Amino acid sequence: MQFKYDFSVDSSNEEMTIQIGDIIGNHISIGAVVLLVGDLGAGKTKLTQGILNGLGCHDFVRSPTFVLITEYHSDFPIYHMDLYRLDTSESIDRLFLDEYLYGEGVCVIEWADKGNDSFPHDSLTINIESLSESSRRLHFQYNQDSFNELRENLKGKF
């Protein structure tokens, strides 16, 4: 997929990754789909914790690797998905994700690269790259102009 915008932000530790997620959560709204890509241990779940905090949900976040989808609540539902265990696009299709992706909530999807083209064109994609044991580079890609405010906010703080 071609992206209209992209930028990167560096995080030096888990707490900073959670802070970045909090800012993301403060800049998205109902209908948003956040796609997280990165190796095991890259920080996808820590970033998700921050996103949920920013959306007003302060539940403890665990990666839903075995249940695939965990639902959290704020003023609206927040769906945390993990596609790690899925091997084929057919198995993803059988999850009927459209009900979540186009519903009245927010979706945060770990291992989104396994979903190929299953996600809306206006999703926010974040690739997390490990730079060292504790530091990460978060590379943001998107097509929707509404994420430009998020970019400016993050660039001003990190």
N, C-alpha and C. Protein backbone atom coordinates (compact mmCIF):
# COMPACT_ATOMS: atom_id res chain seq x y z
N MET A 1 0.85 -1.18 0.00
CA MET A 1 0.00 0.00 0.00
C MET A 1 0.89 1.24 0.00
N GLN A 2 0.52 2.20 -0.79
CA GLN A 2 1.21 3.48 -0.84
C GLN A 2 0.65 4.39 0.25
N PHE A 3 1.53 5.14 0.92
CA PHE A 3 1.10 6.05 1.97
C PHE A 3 1.39 7.48 1.56
N LYS A 4 0.48 8.35 1.90
CA LYS A 4 0.62 9.78 1.61
C LYS A 4 1.59 10.44 2.58
N TYR A 5 1.58 10.00 3.83
CA TYR A 5 2.41 10.60 4.87
C TYR A 5 3.20 9.54 5.61
N ASP A 6 4.39 9.90 6.07
CA ASP A 6 5.12 9.04 6.99
C ASP A 6 6.12 9.89 7.78
N PHE A 7 6.38 9.44 9.01
CA PHE A 7 7.35 10.09 9.88
C PHE A 7 7.76 9.09 10.94
N SER A 8 8.85 9.37 11.65
CA SER A 8 9.33 8.49 12.70
C SER A 8 9.55 9.24 14.00
N VAL A 9 9.41 8.51 15.10
CA VAL A 9 9.65 9.01 16.44
C VAL A 9 10.45 7.95 17.18
N ASP A 10 11.44 8.37 17.94
CA ASP A 10 12.24 7.42 18.72
C ASP A 10 11.79 7.40 20.17
N SER A 11 11.82 6.22 20.75
CA SER A 11 11.50 6.01 22.16
C SER A 11 12.71 5.37 22.82
N SER A 12 13.13 5.90 23.97
CA SER A 12 14.31 5.37 24.61
C SER A 12 14.01 4.33 25.68
N ASN A 13 12.70 4.15 26.03
CA ASN A 13 12.34 3.16 27.05
C ASN A 13 10.85 2.85 26.99
N GLU A 14 10.42 1.84 27.78
CA GLU A 14 9.02 1.42 27.77
C GLU A 14 8.08 2.55 28.20
N GLU A 15 8.48 3.32 29.20
CA GLU A 15 7.63 4.41 29.68
C GLU A 15 7.38 5.43 28.58
N MET A 16 8.41 5.73 27.78
CA MET A 16 8.26 6.67 26.68
C MET A 16 7.34 6.08 25.60
N THR A 17 7.46 4.79 25.35
CA THR A 17 6.58 4.14 24.37
C THR A 17 5.13 4.24 24.83
N ILE A 18 4.89 4.05 26.11
CA ILE A 18 3.52 4.21 26.65
C ILE A 18 3.06 5.65 26.51
N GLN A 19 3.94 6.63 26.75
CA GLN A 19 3.59 8.06 26.59
C GLN A 19 3.22 8.36 25.13
N ILE A 20 3.98 7.81 24.20
CA ILE A 20 3.68 8.01 22.78
C ILE A 20 2.30 7.43 22.48
N GLY A 21 2.03 6.23 23.01
CA GLY A 21 0.72 5.63 22.82
C GLY A 21 -0.39 6.48 23.40
N ASP A 22 -0.16 7.09 24.57
CA ASP A 22 -1.15 7.97 25.18
C ASP A 22 -1.49 9.15 24.26
N ILE A 23 -0.48 9.71 23.64
CA ILE A 23 -0.71 10.82 22.69
C ILE A 23 -1.50 10.32 21.49
N ILE A 24 -1.17 9.14 21.00
CA ILE A 24 -1.94 8.57 19.88
C ILE A 24 -3.40 8.43 20.29
N GLY A 25 -3.65 7.85 21.47
CA GLY A 25 -5.02 7.67 21.95
C GLY A 25 -5.78 8.98 22.08
N ASN A 26 -5.08 10.05 22.41
CA ASN A 26 -5.71 11.36 22.52
C ASN A 26 -6.03 11.99 21.17
N HIS A 27 -5.46 11.44 20.10
CA HIS A 27 -5.66 12.01 18.77
C HIS A 27 -6.47 11.12 17.82
N ILE A 28 -7.01 10.04 18.33
CA ILE A 28 -7.86 9.21 17.48
C ILE A 28 -9.26 9.17 18.07
N SER A 29 -10.20 8.71 17.28
CA SER A 29 -11.59 8.69 17.74
C SER A 29 -12.28 7.44 17.21
N ILE A 30 -13.55 7.34 17.53
CA ILE A 30 -14.34 6.20 17.10
C ILE A 30 -14.17 5.97 15.60
N GLY A 31 -13.96 4.72 15.24
CA GLY A 31 -13.76 4.35 13.85
C GLY A 31 -12.30 4.19 13.47
N ALA A 32 -11.39 4.65 14.34
CA ALA A 32 -9.96 4.55 14.03
C ALA A 32 -9.50 3.09 14.06
N VAL A 33 -8.59 2.78 13.16
CA VAL A 33 -7.95 1.47 13.12
C VAL A 33 -6.44 1.72 13.16
N VAL A 34 -5.79 1.20 14.20
CA VAL A 34 -4.35 1.36 14.38
C VAL A 34 -3.70 0.00 14.16
N LEU A 35 -2.81 -0.07 13.18
CA LEU A 35 -2.15 -1.31 12.80
C LEU A 35 -0.72 -1.29 13.31
N LEU A 36 -0.37 -2.27 14.14
CA LEU A 36 0.96 -2.34 14.72
C LEU A 36 1.75 -3.49 14.12
N VAL A 37 2.97 -3.18 13.71
CA VAL A 37 3.85 -4.15 13.08
C VAL A 37 5.20 -4.09 13.79
N GLY A 38 5.76 -5.24 14.10
CA GLY A 38 7.08 -5.29 14.73
C GLY A 38 7.38 -6.69 15.21
N ASP A 39 8.65 -6.95 15.44
CA ASP A 39 9.08 -8.27 15.90
C ASP A 39 8.59 -8.55 17.31
N LEU A 40 8.73 -9.79 17.75
CA LEU A 40 8.43 -10.16 19.12
C LEU A 40 9.25 -9.27 20.07
N GLY A 41 8.59 -8.73 21.07
CA GLY A 41 9.28 -7.90 22.06
C GLY A 41 9.57 -6.48 21.61
N ALA A 42 9.03 -6.08 20.47
CA ALA A 42 9.30 -4.73 19.96
C ALA A 42 8.59 -3.64 20.75
N GLY A 43 7.49 -3.97 21.43
CA GLY A 43 6.78 -2.98 22.21
C GLY A 43 5.36 -2.71 21.76
N LYS A 44 4.81 -3.61 20.95
CA LYS A 44 3.44 -3.41 20.45
C LYS A 44 2.42 -3.34 21.58
N THR A 45 2.55 -4.21 22.57
CA THR A 45 1.59 -4.22 23.67
C THR A 45 1.78 -3.01 24.58
N LYS A 46 3.02 -2.58 24.80
CA LYS A 46 3.27 -1.36 25.60
C LYS A 46 2.66 -0.15 24.89
N LEU A 47 2.82 -0.07 23.59
CA LEU A 47 2.23 1.03 22.84
C LEU A 47 0.71 0.98 22.95
N THR A 48 0.14 -0.23 22.88
CA THR A 48 -1.30 -0.40 23.02
C THR A 48 -1.77 0.06 24.39
N GLN A 49 -1.00 -0.24 25.44
CA GLN A 49 -1.35 0.22 26.80
C GLN A 49 -1.49 1.74 26.80
N GLY A 50 -0.55 2.42 26.19
CA GLY A 50 -0.62 3.87 26.11
C GLY A 50 -1.81 4.37 25.31
N ILE A 51 -2.09 3.71 24.18
CA ILE A 51 -3.23 4.11 23.35
C ILE A 51 -4.52 3.99 24.16
N LEU A 52 -4.68 2.88 24.87
CA LEU A 52 -5.89 2.71 25.69
C LEU A 52 -5.96 3.77 26.79
N ASN A 53 -4.83 4.08 27.41
CA ASN A 53 -4.81 5.15 28.41
C ASN A 53 -5.31 6.46 27.80
N GLY A 54 -4.80 6.80 26.62
CA GLY A 54 -5.20 8.02 25.93
C GLY A 54 -6.66 8.04 25.54
N LEU A 55 -7.24 6.86 25.37
CA LEU A 55 -8.67 6.76 25.04
C LEU A 55 -9.54 6.72 26.29
N GLY A 56 -8.91 6.79 27.47
CA GLY A 56 -9.68 6.83 28.71
C GLY A 56 -9.90 5.49 29.36
N CYS A 57 -9.23 4.46 28.90
CA CYS A 57 -9.34 3.13 29.49
C CYS A 57 -8.04 2.82 30.23
N HIS A 58 -8.14 2.55 31.52
CA HIS A 58 -6.95 2.33 32.32
C HIS A 58 -6.82 0.88 32.80
N ASP A 59 -7.47 -0.04 32.08
CA ASP A 59 -7.32 -1.46 32.37
C ASP A 59 -5.89 -1.89 32.03
N PHE A 60 -5.44 -2.95 32.69
CA PHE A 60 -4.14 -3.53 32.36
C PHE A 60 -4.28 -4.26 31.03
N VAL A 61 -3.38 -3.99 30.11
CA VAL A 61 -3.44 -4.58 28.77
C VAL A 61 -2.48 -5.76 28.68
N ARG A 62 -3.00 -6.87 28.22
CA ARG A 62 -2.19 -8.05 27.89
C ARG A 62 -2.37 -8.34 26.41
N SER A 63 -1.36 -8.89 25.82
CA SER A 63 -1.46 -9.25 24.42
C SER A 63 -2.46 -10.40 24.28
N PRO A 64 -3.45 -10.24 23.41
CA PRO A 64 -4.48 -11.29 23.25
C PRO A 64 -4.07 -12.40 22.28
N THR A 65 -2.84 -12.86 22.39
CA THR A 65 -2.31 -13.85 21.45
C THR A 65 -3.18 -15.10 21.37
N PHE A 66 -3.68 -15.59 22.48
CA PHE A 66 -4.43 -16.85 22.46
C PHE A 66 -5.92 -16.65 22.29
N VAL A 67 -6.46 -15.50 22.70
CA VAL A 67 -7.90 -15.27 22.53
C VAL A 67 -8.18 -14.49 21.25
N LEU A 68 -7.16 -13.93 20.63
CA LEU A 68 -7.20 -13.17 19.38
C LEU A 68 -7.79 -11.77 19.53
N ILE A 69 -8.89 -11.61 20.26
CA ILE A 69 -9.51 -10.29 20.40
C ILE A 69 -9.92 -10.10 21.86
N THR A 70 -9.48 -8.98 22.44
CA THR A 70 -9.92 -8.59 23.78
C THR A 70 -10.65 -7.26 23.66
N GLU A 71 -11.78 -7.16 24.30
CA GLU A 71 -12.56 -5.92 24.26
C GLU A 71 -12.38 -5.17 25.58
N TYR A 72 -12.06 -3.88 25.45
CA TYR A 72 -11.95 -2.97 26.58
C TYR A 72 -13.02 -1.90 26.40
N HIS A 73 -13.27 -1.15 27.46
CA HIS A 73 -14.31 -0.12 27.37
C HIS A 73 -13.84 1.21 27.89
N SER A 74 -14.24 2.23 27.20
CA SER A 74 -14.11 3.62 27.63
C SER A 74 -15.51 4.17 27.43
N ASP A 75 -15.64 5.28 26.72
CA ASP A 75 -16.97 5.76 26.34
C ASP A 75 -17.50 4.96 25.15
N PHE A 76 -16.66 4.09 24.62
CA PHE A 76 -16.97 3.26 23.46
C PHE A 76 -16.10 2.02 23.55
N PRO A 77 -16.39 0.99 22.78
CA PRO A 77 -15.56 -0.22 22.84
C PRO A 77 -14.21 -0.02 22.16
N ILE A 78 -13.21 -0.67 22.72
CA ILE A 78 -11.87 -0.67 22.15
C ILE A 78 -11.50 -2.14 21.94
N TYR A 79 -11.18 -2.50 20.71
CA TYR A 79 -10.87 -3.89 20.37
C TYR A 79 -9.37 -4.03 20.16
N HIS A 80 -8.75 -4.86 20.98
CA HIS A 80 -7.32 -5.13 20.88
C HIS A 80 -7.18 -6.52 20.26
N MET A 81 -6.59 -6.58 19.08
CA MET A 81 -6.48 -7.83 18.35
C MET A 81 -5.02 -8.22 18.18
N ASP A 82 -4.79 -9.51 18.10
CA ASP A 82 -3.45 -10.04 17.90
C ASP A 82 -3.53 -11.14 16.86
N LEU A 83 -2.89 -10.93 15.72
CA LEU A 83 -2.96 -11.88 14.61
C LEU A 83 -1.75 -12.82 14.57
N TYR A 84 -0.93 -12.83 15.60
CA TYR A 84 0.31 -13.60 15.60
C TYR A 84 0.10 -15.07 15.25
N ARG A 85 -0.90 -15.68 15.80
CA ARG A 85 -1.10 -17.13 15.62
C ARG A 85 -1.78 -17.48 14.29
N LEU A 86 -2.20 -16.50 13.54
CA LEU A 86 -2.89 -16.79 12.28
C LEU A 86 -1.88 -16.88 11.15
N ASP A 87 -2.04 -17.91 10.33
CA ASP A 87 -1.06 -18.15 9.28
C ASP A 87 -1.52 -17.74 7.89
N THR A 88 -2.81 -17.70 7.67
CA THR A 88 -3.29 -17.43 6.32
C THR A 88 -4.32 -16.31 6.32
N SER A 89 -4.48 -15.69 5.17
CA SER A 89 -5.49 -14.64 5.05
C SER A 89 -6.89 -15.24 5.18
N GLU A 90 -7.03 -16.53 4.85
CA GLU A 90 -8.33 -17.18 5.00
C GLU A 90 -8.72 -17.27 6.47
N SER A 91 -7.76 -17.57 7.34
CA SER A 91 -8.08 -17.63 8.77
C SER A 91 -8.43 -16.25 9.31
N ILE A 92 -7.83 -15.22 8.75
CA ILE A 92 -8.19 -13.85 9.14
C ILE A 92 -9.60 -13.52 8.65
N ASP A 93 -9.91 -13.93 7.43
CA ASP A 93 -11.25 -13.69 6.89
C ASP A 93 -12.32 -14.36 7.74
N ARG A 94 -12.01 -15.51 8.32
CA ARG A 94 -12.99 -16.22 9.15
C ARG A 94 -13.27 -15.52 10.48
N LEU A 95 -12.45 -14.55 10.84
CA LEU A 95 -12.70 -13.79 12.08
C LEU A 95 -13.81 -12.75 11.90
N PHE A 96 -14.18 -12.47 10.66
CA PHE A 96 -15.20 -11.46 10.35
C PHE A 96 -14.84 -10.13 11.01
N LEU A 97 -13.64 -9.67 10.74
CA LEU A 97 -13.14 -8.44 11.34
C LEU A 97 -13.92 -7.20 10.93
N ASP A 98 -14.62 -7.26 9.81
CA ASP A 98 -15.37 -6.08 9.35
C ASP A 98 -16.31 -5.54 10.41
N GLU A 99 -16.89 -6.42 11.21
CA GLU A 99 -17.80 -5.98 12.26
C GLU A 99 -17.07 -5.10 13.27
N TYR A 100 -15.79 -5.36 13.50
CA TYR A 100 -14.99 -4.55 14.40
C TYR A 100 -14.42 -3.32 13.68
N LEU A 101 -13.86 -3.55 12.50
CA LEU A 101 -13.17 -2.49 11.77
C LEU A 101 -14.08 -1.35 11.35
N TYR A 102 -15.32 -1.65 11.09
CA TYR A 102 -16.25 -0.62 10.63
C TYR A 102 -17.37 -0.39 11.64
N GLY A 103 -17.11 -0.74 12.89
CA GLY A 103 -18.10 -0.62 13.95
C GLY A 103 -17.99 0.70 14.69
N GLU A 104 -18.56 0.72 15.86
CA GLU A 104 -18.62 1.93 16.68
C GLU A 104 -17.55 1.94 17.76
N GLY A 105 -16.36 1.48 17.43
CA GLY A 105 -15.28 1.45 18.40
C GLY A 105 -13.96 1.81 17.76
N VAL A 106 -12.88 1.51 18.46
CA VAL A 106 -11.53 1.71 17.97
C VAL A 106 -10.86 0.34 17.94
N CYS A 107 -10.08 0.06 16.92
CA CYS A 107 -9.36 -1.20 16.80
C CYS A 107 -7.86 -0.95 16.84
N VAL A 108 -7.17 -1.72 17.67
CA VAL A 108 -5.71 -1.72 17.72
C VAL A 108 -5.29 -3.16 17.41
N ILE A 109 -4.53 -3.34 16.34
CA ILE A 109 -4.24 -4.69 15.84
C ILE A 109 -2.74 -4.94 15.81
N GLU A 110 -2.29 -5.89 16.65
CA GLU A 110 -0.90 -6.32 16.65
C GLU A 110 -0.68 -7.36 15.56
N TRP A 111 0.52 -7.38 15.04
CA TRP A 111 0.89 -8.28 13.94
C TRP A 111 0.01 -8.04 12.72
N ALA A 112 -0.28 -6.78 12.47
CA ALA A 112 -1.19 -6.40 11.38
C ALA A 112 -0.64 -6.77 10.01
N ASP A 113 0.66 -6.95 9.90
CA ASP A 113 1.24 -7.33 8.61
C ASP A 113 0.73 -8.68 8.15
N LYS A 114 0.19 -9.50 9.04
CA LYS A 114 -0.39 -10.79 8.66
C LYS A 114 -1.76 -10.61 8.00
N GLY A 115 -2.33 -9.42 8.11
CA GLY A 115 -3.66 -9.17 7.56
C GLY A 115 -3.67 -8.72 6.12
N ASN A 116 -2.50 -8.55 5.55
CA ASN A 116 -2.39 -8.13 4.15
C ASN A 116 -3.26 -6.92 3.87
N ASP A 117 -4.20 -7.04 2.98
CA ASP A 117 -5.06 -5.92 2.60
C ASP A 117 -6.43 -5.99 3.25
N SER A 118 -6.52 -6.57 4.43
CA SER A 118 -7.79 -6.74 5.12
C SER A 118 -8.27 -5.49 5.82
N PHE A 119 -7.44 -4.44 5.87
CA PHE A 119 -7.74 -3.29 6.70
C PHE A 119 -8.11 -2.06 5.88
N PRO A 120 -8.85 -1.13 6.49
CA PRO A 120 -9.26 0.08 5.76
C PRO A 120 -8.05 0.90 5.29
N HIS A 121 -8.22 1.55 4.18
CA HIS A 121 -7.18 2.38 3.56
C HIS A 121 -6.80 3.56 4.48
N ASP A 122 -7.71 3.99 5.34
CA ASP A 122 -7.44 5.16 6.19
C ASP A 122 -6.90 4.77 7.57
N SER A 123 -6.38 3.55 7.71
CA SER A 123 -5.80 3.10 8.97
C SER A 123 -4.48 3.83 9.24
N LEU A 124 -4.11 3.87 10.51
CA LEU A 124 -2.80 4.37 10.93
C LEU A 124 -1.90 3.17 11.14
N THR A 125 -0.82 3.07 10.38
CA THR A 125 0.12 1.96 10.50
C THR A 125 1.36 2.44 11.25
N ILE A 126 1.77 1.64 12.26
CA ILE A 126 2.96 1.98 13.04
C ILE A 126 3.88 0.77 13.03
N ASN A 127 5.03 0.92 12.41
CA ASN A 127 6.07 -0.12 12.39
C ASN A 127 7.04 0.18 13.53
N ILE A 128 7.25 -0.79 14.41
CA ILE A 128 8.12 -0.60 15.56
C ILE A 128 9.41 -1.38 15.32
N GLU A 129 10.52 -0.66 15.34
CA GLU A 129 11.83 -1.26 15.09
C GLU A 129 12.66 -1.17 16.37
N SER A 130 13.23 -2.28 16.79
CA SER A 130 14.11 -2.30 17.95
C SER A 130 15.47 -1.75 17.55
N LEU A 131 15.92 -0.70 18.26
CA LEU A 131 17.24 -0.13 18.01
C LEU A 131 18.27 -0.68 18.98
N SER A 132 17.80 -1.02 20.18
CA SER A 132 18.64 -1.63 21.21
C SER A 132 17.71 -2.36 22.16
N GLU A 133 18.22 -2.83 23.27
CA GLU A 133 17.37 -3.55 24.22
C GLU A 133 16.21 -2.70 24.72
N SER A 134 16.42 -1.39 24.86
CA SER A 134 15.37 -0.55 25.41
C SER A 134 14.84 0.52 24.45
N SER A 135 15.55 0.85 23.41
CA SER A 135 15.09 1.93 22.52
C SER A 135 14.43 1.39 21.26
N ARG A 136 13.46 2.18 20.78
CA ARG A 136 12.68 1.79 19.61
C ARG A 136 12.52 2.98 18.67
N ARG A 137 12.32 2.68 17.40
CA ARG A 137 11.93 3.69 16.41
C ARG A 137 10.53 3.31 15.95
N LEU A 138 9.60 4.25 16.10
CA LEU A 138 8.22 4.05 15.67
C LEU A 138 8.04 4.81 14.37
N HIS A 139 7.73 4.08 13.31
CA HIS A 139 7.57 4.67 11.99
C HIS A 139 6.07 4.70 11.66
N PHE A 140 5.52 5.89 11.54
CA PHE A 140 4.10 6.09 11.30
C PHE A 140 3.84 6.28 9.81
N GLN A 141 2.81 5.60 9.28
CA GLN A 141 2.41 5.74 7.89
C GLN A 141 0.89 5.84 7.82
N TYR A 142 0.40 6.77 7.00
CA TYR A 142 -1.05 6.95 6.90
C TYR A 142 -1.39 7.75 5.66
N ASN A 143 -2.68 7.76 5.34
CA ASN A 143 -3.20 8.50 4.20
C ASN A 143 -4.19 9.59 4.60
N GLN A 144 -4.70 9.52 5.79
CA GLN A 144 -5.77 10.41 6.23
C GLN A 144 -5.19 11.69 6.83
N ASP A 145 -5.58 12.86 6.30
CA ASP A 145 -5.05 14.14 6.77
C ASP A 145 -5.31 14.37 8.26
N SER A 146 -6.32 13.76 8.83
CA SER A 146 -6.65 13.98 10.23
C SER A 146 -5.54 13.52 11.18
N PHE A 147 -4.61 12.68 10.71
CA PHE A 147 -3.49 12.25 11.56
C PHE A 147 -2.34 13.25 11.56
N ASN A 148 -2.43 14.32 10.75
CA ASN A 148 -1.36 15.32 10.72
C ASN A 148 -1.20 16.02 12.07
N GLU A 149 -2.29 16.24 12.78
CA GLU A 149 -2.21 16.86 14.10
C GLU A 149 -1.44 15.95 15.07
N LEU A 150 -1.67 14.66 14.97
CA LEU A 150 -0.92 13.69 15.77
C LEU A 150 0.56 13.82 15.46
N ARG A 151 0.91 13.87 14.18
CA ARG A 151 2.31 14.00 13.77
C ARG A 151 2.94 15.25 14.39
N GLU A 152 2.26 16.37 14.29
CA GLU A 152 2.81 17.62 14.83
C GLU A 152 2.97 17.54 16.34
N ASN A 153 2.02 16.93 17.02
CA ASN A 153 2.10 16.79 18.47
C ASN A 153 3.27 15.91 18.88
N LEU A 154 3.43 14.77 18.20
CA LEU A 154 4.53 13.86 18.52
C LEU A 154 5.88 14.48 18.18
N LYS A 155 5.97 15.13 17.04
CA LYS A 155 7.24 15.73 16.63
C LYS A 155 7.64 16.83 17.60
N GLY A 156 6.66 17.53 18.20
CA GLY A 156 6.97 18.59 19.15
C GLY A 156 7.43 18.07 20.50
N LYS A 157 7.13 16.82 20.82
CA LYS A 157 7.46 16.27 22.13
C LYS A 157 8.58 15.25 22.12
N PHE A 158 8.83 14.62 20.97
CA PHE A 158 9.84 13.53 20.94
C PHE A 158 10.86 13.78 19.84
